[in-house]
Amino acid sequence: GGVVAAGASKQRCRDPEKEQIRAVYDALSRRDMQSLEELAYTQHGFCTSELRRAAWLFLLGLSPTEAVDPSWRRMLVGLKEDTKEARVMQADVQRSVYSWDVHTGIRK
């Protein structure tokens, strides 16, 4: 399964964070995307790197094995930077980064 077991990082959290961690693991085990989305926007988010990894793998529809598989790089070999597809991908990446920065209040 794509969900990792709770580890030592869970024990270091304060009580509200422990509750959040339990809620995220529960949503992952139920495959409840709506709950994960709601939990992501709360104060504690996904709390730990381990939990963020598990949540993002689920949200992206990837198993842990697929997440470390470098075969996706083969798709980039023939991609020319001046094509419409390349420009669309670059624009999508820039929009995503900008949206995330605005959402989290990150400043340069």
PDB file of N, CA and C in Angstrom:
ATOM      1  N   GLY A   1       0.811  -1.190   0.000  1.00  0.00           N
ATOM      2  CA  GLY A   1       0.000   0.000   0.000  1.00  0.00           C
ATOM      3  C   GLY A   1       0.845   1.239   0.000  1.00  0.00           C
ATOM      4  N   GLY A   2       0.285   2.368  -0.409  1.00  0.00           N
ATOM      5  CA  GLY A   2       1.021   3.615  -0.499  1.00  0.00           C
ATOM      6  C   GLY A   2       1.097   4.380   0.801  1.00  0.00           C
ATOM      7  N   VAL A   3       0.421   3.913   1.839  1.00  0.00           N
ATOM      8  CA  VAL A   3       0.407   4.641   3.102  1.00  0.00           C
ATOM      9  C   VAL A   3       1.498   4.077   4.002  1.00  0.00           C
ATOM     10  N   VAL A   4       2.344   4.950   4.525  1.00  0.00           N
ATOM     11  CA  VAL A   4       3.399   4.516   5.416  1.00  0.00           C
ATOM     12  C   VAL A   4       2.886   4.521   6.843  1.00  0.00           C
ATOM     13  N   ALA A   5       3.452   3.657   7.668  1.00  0.00           N
ATOM     14  CA  ALA A   5       3.031   3.569   9.067  1.00  0.00           C
ATOM     15  C   ALA A   5       3.533   4.769   9.846  1.00  0.00           C
ATOM     16  N   ALA A   6       2.825   5.105  10.881  1.00  0.00           N
ATOM     17  CA  ALA A   6       3.225   6.219  11.737  1.00  0.00           C
ATOM     18  C   ALA A   6       4.558   5.890  12.386  1.00  0.00           C
ATOM     19  N   GLY A   7       5.451   6.866  12.406  1.00  0.00           N
ATOM     20  CA  GLY A   7       6.785   6.615  12.936  1.00  0.00           C
ATOM     21  C   GLY A   7       7.085   7.453  14.149  1.00  0.00           C
ATOM     22  N   ALA A   8       8.376   7.527  14.463  1.00  0.00           N
ATOM     23  CA  ALA A   8       8.836   8.243  15.647  1.00  0.00           C
ATOM     24  C   ALA A   8       8.499   9.727  15.572  1.00  0.00           C
ATOM     25  N   SER A   9       8.441  10.285  14.349  1.00  0.00           N
ATOM     26  CA  SER A   9       8.151  11.705  14.224  1.00  0.00           C
ATOM     27  C   SER A   9       6.782  12.032  14.812  1.00  0.00           C
ATOM     28  N   LYS A  10       5.891  11.073  14.821  1.00  0.00           N
ATOM     29  CA  LYS A  10       4.552  11.269  15.367  1.00  0.00           C
ATOM     30  C   LYS A  10       4.612  11.527  16.877  1.00  0.00           C
ATOM     31  N   GLN A  11       5.566  10.897  17.554  1.00  0.00           N
ATOM     32  CA  GLN A  11       5.657  11.009  19.009  1.00  0.00           C
ATOM     33  C   GLN A  11       6.161  12.376  19.462  1.00  0.00           C
ATOM     34  N   ARG A  12       6.872  13.105  18.612  1.00  0.00           N
ATOM     35  CA  ARG A  12       7.439  14.399  18.983  1.00  0.00           C
ATOM     36  C   ARG A  12       6.431  15.538  18.886  1.00  0.00           C
ATOM     37  N   CYS A  13       5.288  15.309  18.293  1.00  0.00           N
ATOM     38  CA  CYS A  13       4.312  16.375  18.069  1.00  0.00           C
ATOM     39  C   CYS A  13       3.546  16.709  19.336  1.00  0.00           C
ATOM     40  N   ARG A  14       3.118  17.958  19.407  1.00  0.00           N
ATOM     41  CA  ARG A  14       2.235  18.381  20.491  1.00  0.00           C
ATOM     42  C   ARG A  14       0.857  17.773  20.253  1.00  0.00           C
ATOM     43  N   ASP A  15      -0.020  17.843  21.251  1.00  0.00           N
ATOM     44  CA  ASP A  15      -1.339  17.220  21.168  1.00  0.00           C
ATOM     45  C   ASP A  15      -2.169  17.624  19.947  1.00  0.00           C
ATOM     46  N   PRO A  16      -2.309  18.928  19.618  1.00  0.00           N
ATOM     47  CA  PRO A  16      -3.084  19.263  18.415  1.00  0.00           C
ATOM     48  C   PRO A  16      -2.476  18.646  17.152  1.00  0.00           C
ATOM     49  N   GLU A  17      -1.163  18.611  17.110  1.00  0.00           N
ATOM     50  CA  GLU A  17      -0.494  18.004  15.964  1.00  0.00           C
ATOM     51  C   GLU A  17      -0.730  16.493  15.937  1.00  0.00           C
ATOM     52  N   LYS A  18      -0.727  15.858  17.110  1.00  0.00           N
ATOM     53  CA  LYS A  18      -1.004  14.419  17.163  1.00  0.00           C
ATOM     54  C   LYS A  18      -2.400  14.128  16.621  1.00  0.00           C
ATOM     55  N   GLU A  19      -3.352  14.957  17.001  1.00  0.00           N
ATOM     56  CA  GLU A  19      -4.714  14.778  16.495  1.00  0.00           C
ATOM     57  C   GLU A  19      -4.751  14.968  14.985  1.00  0.00           C
ATOM     58  N   GLN A  20      -4.022  15.960  14.500  1.00  0.00           N
ATOM     59  CA  GLN A  20      -3.960  16.217  13.061  1.00  0.00           C
ATOM     60  C   GLN A  20      -3.338  15.026  12.333  1.00  0.00           C
ATOM     61  N   ILE A  21      -2.257  14.509  12.873  1.00  0.00           N
ATOM     62  CA  ILE A  21      -1.580  13.363  12.260  1.00  0.00           C
ATOM     63  C   ILE A  21      -2.522  12.173  12.194  1.00  0.00           C
ATOM     64  N   ARG A  22      -3.221  11.912  13.290  1.00  0.00           N
ATOM     65  CA  ARG A  22      -4.189  10.800  13.285  1.00  0.00           C
ATOM     66  C   ARG A  22      -5.266  11.020  12.227  1.00  0.00           C
ATOM     67  N   ALA A  23      -5.730  12.258  12.115  1.00  0.00           N
ATOM     68  CA  ALA A  23      -6.777  12.573  11.137  1.00  0.00           C
ATOM     69  C   ALA A  23      -6.277  12.368   9.706  1.00  0.00           C
ATOM     70  N   VAL A  24      -5.028  12.752   9.439  1.00  0.00           N
ATOM     71  CA  VAL A  24      -4.478  12.577   8.091  1.00  0.00           C
ATOM     72  C   VAL A  24      -4.305  11.090   7.787  1.00  0.00           C
ATOM     73  N   TYR A  25      -3.737  10.334   8.730  1.00  0.00           N
ATOM     74  CA  TYR A  25      -3.583   8.890   8.504  1.00  0.00           C
ATOM     75  C   TYR A  25      -4.945   8.220   8.315  1.00  0.00           C
ATOM     76  N   ASP A  26      -5.932   8.677   9.064  1.00  0.00           N
ATOM     77  CA  ASP A  26      -7.282   8.124   8.927  1.00  0.00           C
ATOM     78  C   ASP A  26      -7.833   8.418   7.530  1.00  0.00           C
ATOM     79  N   ALA A  27      -7.672   9.651   7.076  1.00  0.00           N
ATOM     80  CA  ALA A  27      -8.150  10.024   5.737  1.00  0.00           C
ATOM     81  C   ALA A  27      -7.421   9.220   4.661  1.00  0.00           C
ATOM     82  N   LEU A  28      -6.120   9.017   4.843  1.00  0.00           N
ATOM     83  CA  LEU A  28      -5.361   8.210   3.885  1.00  0.00           C
ATOM     84  C   LEU A  28      -5.870   6.770   3.859  1.00  0.00           C
ATOM     85  N   SER A  29      -6.101   6.201   5.033  1.00  0.00           N
ATOM     86  CA  SER A  29      -6.558   4.808   5.079  1.00  0.00           C
ATOM     87  C   SER A  29      -7.945   4.650   4.465  1.00  0.00           C
ATOM     88  N   ARG A  30      -8.776   5.711   4.558  1.00  0.00           N
ATOM     89  CA  ARG A  30     -10.114   5.677   3.960  1.00  0.00           C
ATOM     90  C   ARG A  30     -10.094   6.142   2.510  1.00  0.00           C
ATOM     91  N   ARG A  31      -8.918   6.601   2.041  1.00  0.00           N
ATOM     92  CA  ARG A  31      -8.767   7.122   0.682  1.00  0.00           C
ATOM     93  C   ARG A  31      -9.739   8.291   0.455  1.00  0.00           C
ATOM     94  N   ASP A  32      -9.805   9.151   1.457  1.00  0.00           N
ATOM     95  CA  ASP A  32     -10.761  10.258   1.486  1.00  0.00           C
ATOM     96  C   ASP A  32     -10.081  11.554   1.042  1.00  0.00           C
ATOM     97  N   MET A  33     -10.166  11.832  -0.242  1.00  0.00           N
ATOM     98  CA  MET A  33      -9.493  12.996  -0.800  1.00  0.00           C
ATOM     99  C   MET A  33     -10.064  14.305  -0.259  1.00  0.00           C
ATOM    100  N   GLN A  34     -11.363  14.377  -0.053  1.00  0.00           N
ATOM    101  CA  GLN A  34     -11.990  15.598   0.471  1.00  0.00           C
ATOM    102  C   GLN A  34     -11.437  15.941   1.856  1.00  0.00           C
ATOM    103  N   SER A  35     -11.345  14.954   2.725  1.00  0.00           N
ATOM    104  CA  SER A  35     -10.792  15.201   4.066  1.00  0.00           C
ATOM    105  C   SER A  35      -9.330  15.621   3.992  1.00  0.00           C
ATOM    106  N   LEU A  36      -8.554  14.988   3.113  1.00  0.00           N
ATOM    107  CA  LEU A  36      -7.145  15.360   2.974  1.00  0.00           C
ATOM    108  C   LEU A  36      -7.011  16.809   2.518  1.00  0.00           C
ATOM    109  N   GLU A  37      -7.853  17.214   1.590  1.00  0.00           N
ATOM    110  CA  GLU A  37      -7.800  18.594   1.123  1.00  0.00           C
ATOM    111  C   GLU A  37      -8.103  19.557   2.272  1.00  0.00           C
ATOM    112  N   GLU A  38      -9.124  19.251   3.051  1.00  0.00           N
ATOM    113  CA  GLU A  38      -9.469  20.107   4.191  1.00  0.00           C
ATOM    114  C   GLU A  38      -8.341  20.139   5.211  1.00  0.00           C
ATOM    115  N   LEU A  39      -7.752  18.988   5.497  1.00  0.00           N
ATOM    116  CA  LEU A  39      -6.662  18.909   6.474  1.00  0.00           C
ATOM    117  C   LEU A  39      -5.422  19.664   5.993  1.00  0.00           C
ATOM    118  N   ALA A  40      -5.184  19.662   4.693  1.00  0.00           N
ATOM    119  CA  ALA A  40      -4.002  20.335   4.140  1.00  0.00           C
ATOM    120  C   ALA A  40      -4.032  21.835   4.420  1.00  0.00           C
ATOM    121  N   TYR A  41      -5.229  22.417   4.494  1.00  0.00           N
ATOM    122  CA  TYR A  41      -5.354  23.858   4.685  1.00  0.00           C
ATOM    123  C   TYR A  41      -5.491  24.274   6.141  1.00  0.00           C
ATOM    124  N   THR A  42      -5.402  23.336   7.054  1.00  0.00           N
ATOM    125  CA  THR A  42      -5.473  23.683   8.470  1.00  0.00           C
ATOM    126  C   THR A  42      -4.111  24.138   8.971  1.00  0.00           C
ATOM    127  N   GLN A  43      -4.068  24.619  10.190  1.00  0.00           N
ATOM    128  CA  GLN A  43      -2.836  25.170  10.768  1.00  0.00           C
ATOM    129  C   GLN A  43      -1.662  24.205  10.697  1.00  0.00           C
ATOM    130  N   HIS A  44      -1.878  22.948  10.998  1.00  0.00           N
ATOM    131  CA  HIS A  44      -0.769  21.994  11.052  1.00  0.00           C
ATOM    132  C   HIS A  44      -0.528  21.265   9.735  1.00  0.00           C
ATOM    133  N   GLY A  45      -1.429  21.409   8.766  1.00  0.00           N
ATOM    134  CA  GLY A  45      -1.227  20.769   7.470  1.00  0.00           C
ATOM    135  C   GLY A  45      -1.002  19.277   7.618  1.00  0.00           C
ATOM    136  N   PHE A  46       0.045  18.783   6.960  1.00  0.00           N
ATOM    137  CA  PHE A  46       0.372  17.357   7.042  1.00  0.00           C
ATOM    138  C   PHE A  46       1.472  17.072   8.079  1.00  0.00           C
ATOM    139  N   CYS A  47       1.914  18.076   8.817  1.00  0.00           N
ATOM    140  CA  CYS A  47       2.774  17.975  10.010  1.00  0.00           C
ATOM    141  C   CYS A  47       4.210  17.498   9.790  1.00  0.00           C
ATOM    142  N   THR A  48       4.402  16.333   9.230  1.00  0.00           N
ATOM    143  CA  THR A  48       5.750  15.761   9.134  1.00  0.00           C
ATOM    144  C   THR A  48       6.100  15.452   7.680  1.00  0.00           C
ATOM    145  N   SER A  49       7.390  15.346   7.406  1.00  0.00           N
ATOM    146  CA  SER A  49       7.841  14.991   6.056  1.00  0.00           C
ATOM    147  C   SER A  49       7.294  13.632   5.651  1.00  0.00           C
ATOM    148  N   GLU A  50       7.312  12.703   6.575  1.00  0.00           N
ATOM    149  CA  GLU A  50       6.810  11.349   6.306  1.00  0.00           C
ATOM    150  C   GLU A  50       5.334  11.386   5.907  1.00  0.00           C
ATOM    151  N   LEU A  51       4.568  12.157   6.639  1.00  0.00           N
ATOM    152  CA  LEU A  51       3.134  12.251   6.370  1.00  0.00           C
ATOM    153  C   LEU A  51       2.859  13.026   5.083  1.00  0.00           C
ATOM    154  N   ARG A  52       3.630  14.090   4.843  1.00  0.00           N
ATOM    155  CA  ARG A  52       3.482  14.831   3.583  1.00  0.00           C
ATOM    156  C   ARG A  52       3.766  13.924   2.397  1.00  0.00           C
ATOM    157  N   ARG A  53       4.815  13.124   2.502  1.00  0.00           N
ATOM    158  CA  ARG A  53       5.168  12.199   1.426  1.00  0.00           C
ATOM    159  C   ARG A  53       4.030  11.222   1.166  1.00  0.00           C
ATOM    160  N   ALA A  54       3.472  10.638   2.222  1.00  0.00           N
ATOM    161  CA  ALA A  54       2.374   9.678   2.076  1.00  0.00           C
ATOM    162  C   ALA A  54       1.152  10.347   1.450  1.00  0.00           C
ATOM    163  N   ALA A  55       0.842  11.553   1.909  1.00  0.00           N
ATOM    164  CA  ALA A  55      -0.334  12.258   1.389  1.00  0.00           C
ATOM    165  C   ALA A  55      -0.140  12.625  -0.081  1.00  0.00           C
ATOM    166  N   TRP A  56       1.024  13.156  -0.434  1.00  0.00           N
ATOM    167  CA  TRP A  56       1.250  13.542  -1.821  1.00  0.00           C
ATOM    168  C   TRP A  56       1.285  12.334  -2.748  1.00  0.00           C
ATOM    169  N   LEU A  57       1.857  11.246  -2.298  1.00  0.00           N
ATOM    170  CA  LEU A  57       1.840  10.036  -3.132  1.00  0.00           C
ATOM    171  C   LEU A  57       0.398   9.618  -3.410  1.00  0.00           C
ATOM    172  N   PHE A  58      -0.436   9.641  -2.375  1.00  0.00           N
ATOM    173  CA  PHE A  58      -1.844   9.292  -2.555  1.00  0.00           C
ATOM    174  C   PHE A  58      -2.520  10.274  -3.508  1.00  0.00           C
ATOM    175  N   LEU A  59      -2.325  11.573  -3.278  1.00  0.00           N
ATOM    176  CA  LEU A  59      -2.983  12.584  -4.092  1.00  0.00           C
ATOM    177  C   LEU A  59      -2.554  12.509  -5.561  1.00  0.00           C
ATOM    178  N   LEU A  60      -1.316  12.116  -5.783  1.00  0.00           N
ATOM    179  CA  LEU A  60      -0.816  11.984  -7.154  1.00  0.00           C
ATOM    180  C   LEU A  60      -1.118  10.616  -7.753  1.00  0.00           C
ATOM    181  N   GLY A  61      -1.662   9.717  -6.939  1.00  0.00           N
ATOM    182  CA  GLY A  61      -1.996   8.386  -7.430  1.00  0.00           C
ATOM    183  C   GLY A  61      -0.781   7.499  -7.646  1.00  0.00           C
ATOM    184  N   LEU A  62       0.271   7.723  -6.865  1.00  0.00           N
ATOM    185  CA  LEU A  62       1.511   6.966  -7.015  1.00  0.00           C
ATOM    186  C   LEU A  62       1.767   6.053  -5.831  1.00  0.00           C
ATOM    187  N   SER A  63       2.346   4.912  -6.120  1.00  0.00           N
ATOM    188  CA  SER A  63       2.835   4.045  -5.051  1.00  0.00           C
ATOM    189  C   SER A  63       4.235   4.530  -4.681  1.00  0.00           C
ATOM    190  N   PRO A  64       4.760   4.130  -3.520  1.00  0.00           N
ATOM    191  CA  PRO A  64       6.134   4.522  -3.172  1.00  0.00           C
ATOM    192  C   PRO A  64       7.149   4.071  -4.219  1.00  0.00           C
ATOM    193  N   THR A  65       6.935   2.906  -4.829  1.00  0.00           N
ATOM    194  CA  THR A  65       7.838   2.402  -5.866  1.00  0.00           C
ATOM    195  C   THR A  65       7.786   3.303  -7.098  1.00  0.00           C
ATOM    196  N   GLU A  66       6.590   3.683  -7.506  1.00  0.00           N
ATOM    197  CA  GLU A  66       6.453   4.563  -8.666  1.00  0.00           C
ATOM    198  C   GLU A  66       7.081   5.928  -8.409  1.00  0.00           C
ATOM    199  N   ALA A  67       7.038   6.382  -7.174  1.00  0.00           N
ATOM    200  CA  ALA A  67       7.563   7.706  -6.837  1.00  0.00           C
ATOM    201  C   ALA A  67       9.071   7.798  -7.038  1.00  0.00           C
ATOM    202  N   VAL A  68       9.783   6.709  -6.878  1.00  0.00           N
ATOM    203  CA  VAL A  68      11.244   6.748  -7.038  1.00  0.00           C
ATOM    204  C   VAL A  68      11.703   6.199  -8.388  1.00  0.00           C
ATOM    205  N   ASP A  69      10.764   5.816  -9.233  1.00  0.00           N
ATOM    206  CA  ASP A  69      11.078   5.276 -10.559  1.00  0.00           C
ATOM    207  C   ASP A  69      11.482   6.430 -11.486  1.00  0.00           C
ATOM    208  N   PRO A  70      12.727   6.415 -11.994  1.00  0.00           N
ATOM    209  CA  PRO A  70      13.195   7.519 -12.837  1.00  0.00           C
ATOM    210  C   PRO A  70      12.783   7.400 -14.306  1.00  0.00           C
ATOM    211  N   SER A  71      11.942   6.451 -14.660  1.00  0.00           N
ATOM    212  CA  SER A  71      11.610   6.233 -16.075  1.00  0.00           C
ATOM    213  C   SER A  71      10.924   7.440 -16.724  1.00  0.00           C
ATOM    214  N   TRP A  72      10.302   8.314 -15.922  1.00  0.00           N
ATOM    215  CA  TRP A  72       9.642   9.495 -16.476  1.00  0.00           C
ATOM    216  C   TRP A  72      10.612  10.376 -17.246  1.00  0.00           C
ATOM    217  N   ARG A  73      11.890  10.291 -16.902  1.00  0.00           N
ATOM    218  CA  ARG A  73      12.893  11.129 -17.568  1.00  0.00           C
ATOM    219  C   ARG A  73      12.992  10.813 -19.065  1.00  0.00           C
ATOM    220  N   ARG A  74      12.677   9.566 -19.430  1.00  0.00           N
ATOM    221  CA  ARG A  74      12.735   9.193 -20.853  1.00  0.00           C
ATOM    222  C   ARG A  74      11.759  10.023 -21.676  1.00  0.00           C
ATOM    223  N   MET A  75      10.657  10.433 -21.066  1.00  0.00           N
ATOM    224  CA  MET A  75       9.661  11.224 -21.786  1.00  0.00           C
ATOM    225  C   MET A  75      10.201  12.608 -22.143  1.00  0.00           C
ATOM    226  N   LEU A  76      11.191  13.092 -21.403  1.00  0.00           N
ATOM    227  CA  LEU A  76      11.722  14.434 -21.627  1.00  0.00           C
ATOM    228  C   LEU A  76      12.809  14.478 -22.692  1.00  0.00           C
ATOM    229  N   VAL A  77      13.371  13.314 -23.039  1.00  0.00           N
ATOM    230  CA  VAL A  77      14.511  13.264 -23.953  1.00  0.00           C
ATOM    231  C   VAL A  77      14.220  13.957 -25.276  1.00  0.00           C
ATOM    232  N   GLY A  78      13.084  13.668 -25.887  1.00  0.00           N
ATOM    233  CA  GLY A  78      12.782  14.229 -27.198  1.00  0.00           C
ATOM    234  C   GLY A  78      12.014  15.528 -27.169  1.00  0.00           C
ATOM    235  N   LEU A  79      11.777  16.081 -25.999  1.00  0.00           N
ATOM    236  CA  LEU A  79      10.975  17.297 -25.893  1.00  0.00           C
ATOM    237  C   LEU A  79      11.798  18.519 -26.279  1.00  0.00           C
ATOM    238  N   LYS A  80      11.324  19.244 -27.251  1.00  0.00           N
ATOM    239  CA  LYS A  80      12.004  20.468 -27.683  1.00  0.00           C
ATOM    240  C   LYS A  80      11.437  21.640 -26.882  1.00  0.00           C
ATOM    241  N   GLU A  81      12.322  22.520 -26.442  1.00  0.00           N
ATOM    242  CA  GLU A  81      11.916  23.617 -25.566  1.00  0.00           C
ATOM    243  C   GLU A  81      11.063  24.673 -26.254  1.00  0.00           C
ATOM    244  N   ASP A  82      11.111  24.739 -27.574  1.00  0.00           N
ATOM    245  CA  ASP A  82      10.372  25.794 -28.271  1.00  0.00           C
ATOM    246  C   ASP A  82       9.020  25.318 -28.822  1.00  0.00           C
ATOM    247  N   THR A  83       8.562  24.150 -28.374  1.00  0.00           N
ATOM    248  CA  THR A  83       7.269  23.650 -28.839  1.00  0.00           C
ATOM    249  C   THR A  83       6.140  24.201 -27.980  1.00  0.00           C
ATOM    250  N   LYS A  84       4.930  24.115 -28.513  1.00  0.00           N
ATOM    251  CA  LYS A  84       3.760  24.569 -27.767  1.00  0.00           C
ATOM    252  C   LYS A  84       3.631  23.800 -26.450  1.00  0.00           C
ATOM    253  N   GLU A  85       3.855  22.471 -26.501  1.00  0.00           N
ATOM    254  CA  GLU A  85       3.737  21.641 -25.294  1.00  0.00           C
ATOM    255  C   GLU A  85       4.715  22.087 -24.216  1.00  0.00           C
ATOM    256  N   ALA A  86       5.950  22.374 -24.617  1.00  0.00           N
ATOM    257  CA  ALA A  86       6.966  22.812 -23.650  1.00  0.00           C
ATOM    258  C   ALA A  86       6.582  24.154 -23.038  1.00  0.00           C
ATOM    259  N   ARG A  87       6.076  25.063 -23.870  1.00  0.00           N
ATOM    260  CA  ARG A  87       5.664  26.380 -23.352  1.00  0.00           C
ATOM    261  C   ARG A  87       4.485  26.246 -22.390  1.00  0.00           C
ATOM    262  N   VAL A  88       3.535  25.362 -22.703  1.00  0.00           N
ATOM    263  CA  VAL A  88       2.388  25.141 -21.824  1.00  0.00           C
ATOM    264  C   VAL A  88       2.848  24.570 -20.489  1.00  0.00           C
ATOM    265  N   MET A  89       3.753  23.573 -20.540  1.00  0.00           N
ATOM    266  CA  MET A  89       4.260  22.986 -19.292  1.00  0.00           C
ATOM    267  C   MET A  89       4.974  24.034 -18.453  1.00  0.00           C
ATOM    268  N   GLN A  90       5.800  24.868 -19.081  1.00  0.00           N
ATOM    269  CA  GLN A  90       6.526  25.903 -18.346  1.00  0.00           C
ATOM    270  C   GLN A  90       5.556  26.892 -17.711  1.00  0.00           C
ATOM    271  N   ALA A  91       4.523  27.287 -18.459  1.00  0.00           N
ATOM    272  CA  ALA A  91       3.531  28.211 -17.916  1.00  0.00           C
ATOM    273  C   ALA A  91       2.784  27.576 -16.747  1.00  0.00           C
ATOM    274  N   ASP A  92       2.446  26.291 -16.865  1.00  0.00           N
ATOM    275  CA  ASP A  92       1.758  25.591 -15.771  1.00  0.00           C
ATOM    276  C   ASP A  92       2.618  25.547 -14.513  1.00  0.00           C
ATOM    277  N   VAL A  93       3.886  25.266 -14.688  1.00  0.00           N
ATOM    278  CA  VAL A  93       4.798  25.219 -13.534  1.00  0.00           C
ATOM    279  C   VAL A  93       4.880  26.600 -12.886  1.00  0.00           C
ATOM    280  N   GLN A  94       5.046  27.641 -13.700  1.00  0.00           N
ATOM    281  CA  GLN A  94       5.143  28.990 -13.143  1.00  0.00           C
ATOM    282  C   GLN A  94       3.869  29.384 -12.408  1.00  0.00           C
ATOM    283  N   ARG A  95       2.703  29.043 -12.978  1.00  0.00           N
ATOM    284  CA  ARG A  95       1.430  29.343 -12.310  1.00  0.00           C
ATOM    285  C   ARG A  95       1.327  28.597 -10.990  1.00  0.00           C
ATOM    286  N   SER A  96       1.732  27.332 -10.988  1.00  0.00           N
ATOM    287  CA  SER A  96       1.644  26.528  -9.767  1.00  0.00           C
ATOM    288  C   SER A  96       2.524  27.098  -8.668  1.00  0.00           C
ATOM    289  N   VAL A  97       3.749  27.446  -9.026  1.00  0.00           N
ATOM    290  CA  VAL A  97       4.676  28.010  -8.040  1.00  0.00           C
ATOM    291  C   VAL A  97       4.138  29.338  -7.530  1.00  0.00           C
ATOM    292  N   TYR A  98       3.652  30.192  -8.442  1.00  0.00           N
ATOM    293  CA  TYR A  98       3.110  31.485  -8.029  1.00  0.00           C
ATOM    294  C   TYR A  98       1.913  31.297  -7.099  1.00  0.00           C
ATOM    295  N   SER A  99       1.001  30.402  -7.471  1.00  0.00           N
ATOM    296  CA  SER A  99      -0.186  30.150  -6.647  1.00  0.00           C
ATOM    297  C   SER A  99       0.210  29.661  -5.264  1.00  0.00           C
ATOM    298  N   TRP A 100       1.172  28.754  -5.207  1.00  0.00           N
ATOM    299  CA  TRP A 100       1.612  28.234  -3.915  1.00  0.00           C
ATOM    300  C   TRP A 100       2.244  29.342  -3.081  1.00  0.00           C
ATOM    301  N   ASP A 101       3.098  30.164  -3.712  1.00  0.00           N
ATOM    302  CA  ASP A 101       3.736  31.276  -2.998  1.00  0.00           C
ATOM    303  C   ASP A 101       2.694  32.224  -2.430  1.00  0.00           C
ATOM    304  N   VAL A 102       1.689  32.564  -3.227  1.00  0.00           N
ATOM    305  CA  VAL A 102       0.642  33.471  -2.777  1.00  0.00           C
ATOM    306  C   VAL A 102      -0.146  32.837  -1.640  1.00  0.00           C
ATOM    307  N   HIS A 103      -0.481  31.559  -1.810  1.00  0.00           N
ATOM    308  CA  HIS A 103      -1.269  30.858  -0.780  1.00  0.00           C
ATOM    309  C   HIS A 103      -0.530  30.804   0.552  1.00  0.00           C
ATOM    310  N   THR A 104       0.764  30.526   0.511  1.00  0.00           N
ATOM    311  CA  THR A 104       1.527  30.372   1.754  1.00  0.00           C
ATOM    312  C   THR A 104       2.145  31.671   2.242  1.00  0.00           C
ATOM    313  N   GLY A 105       2.059  32.737   1.446  1.00  0.00           N
ATOM    314  CA  GLY A 105       2.607  34.022   1.865  1.00  0.00           C
ATOM    315  C   GLY A 105       4.111  34.104   1.747  1.00  0.00           C
ATOM    316  N   ILE A 106       4.701  33.242   0.917  1.00  0.00           N
ATOM    317  CA  ILE A 106       6.157  33.239   0.736  1.00  0.00           C
ATOM    318  C   ILE A 106       6.557  34.496  -0.035  1.00  0.00           C
ATOM    319  N   ARG A 107       7.620  35.127   0.405  1.00  0.00           N
ATOM    320  CA  ARG A 107       8.155  36.301  -0.282  1.00  0.00           C
ATOM    321  C   ARG A 107       9.589  36.020  -0.663  1.00  0.00           C
ATOM    322  N   LYS A 108      10.012  36.625  -1.769  1.00  0.00           N
ATOM    323  CA  LYS A 108      11.422  36.474  -2.180  1.00  0.00           C
ATOM    324  C   LYS A 108      12.308  37.344  -1.333  1.00  0.00           C
TER     325      LYS A 108
END
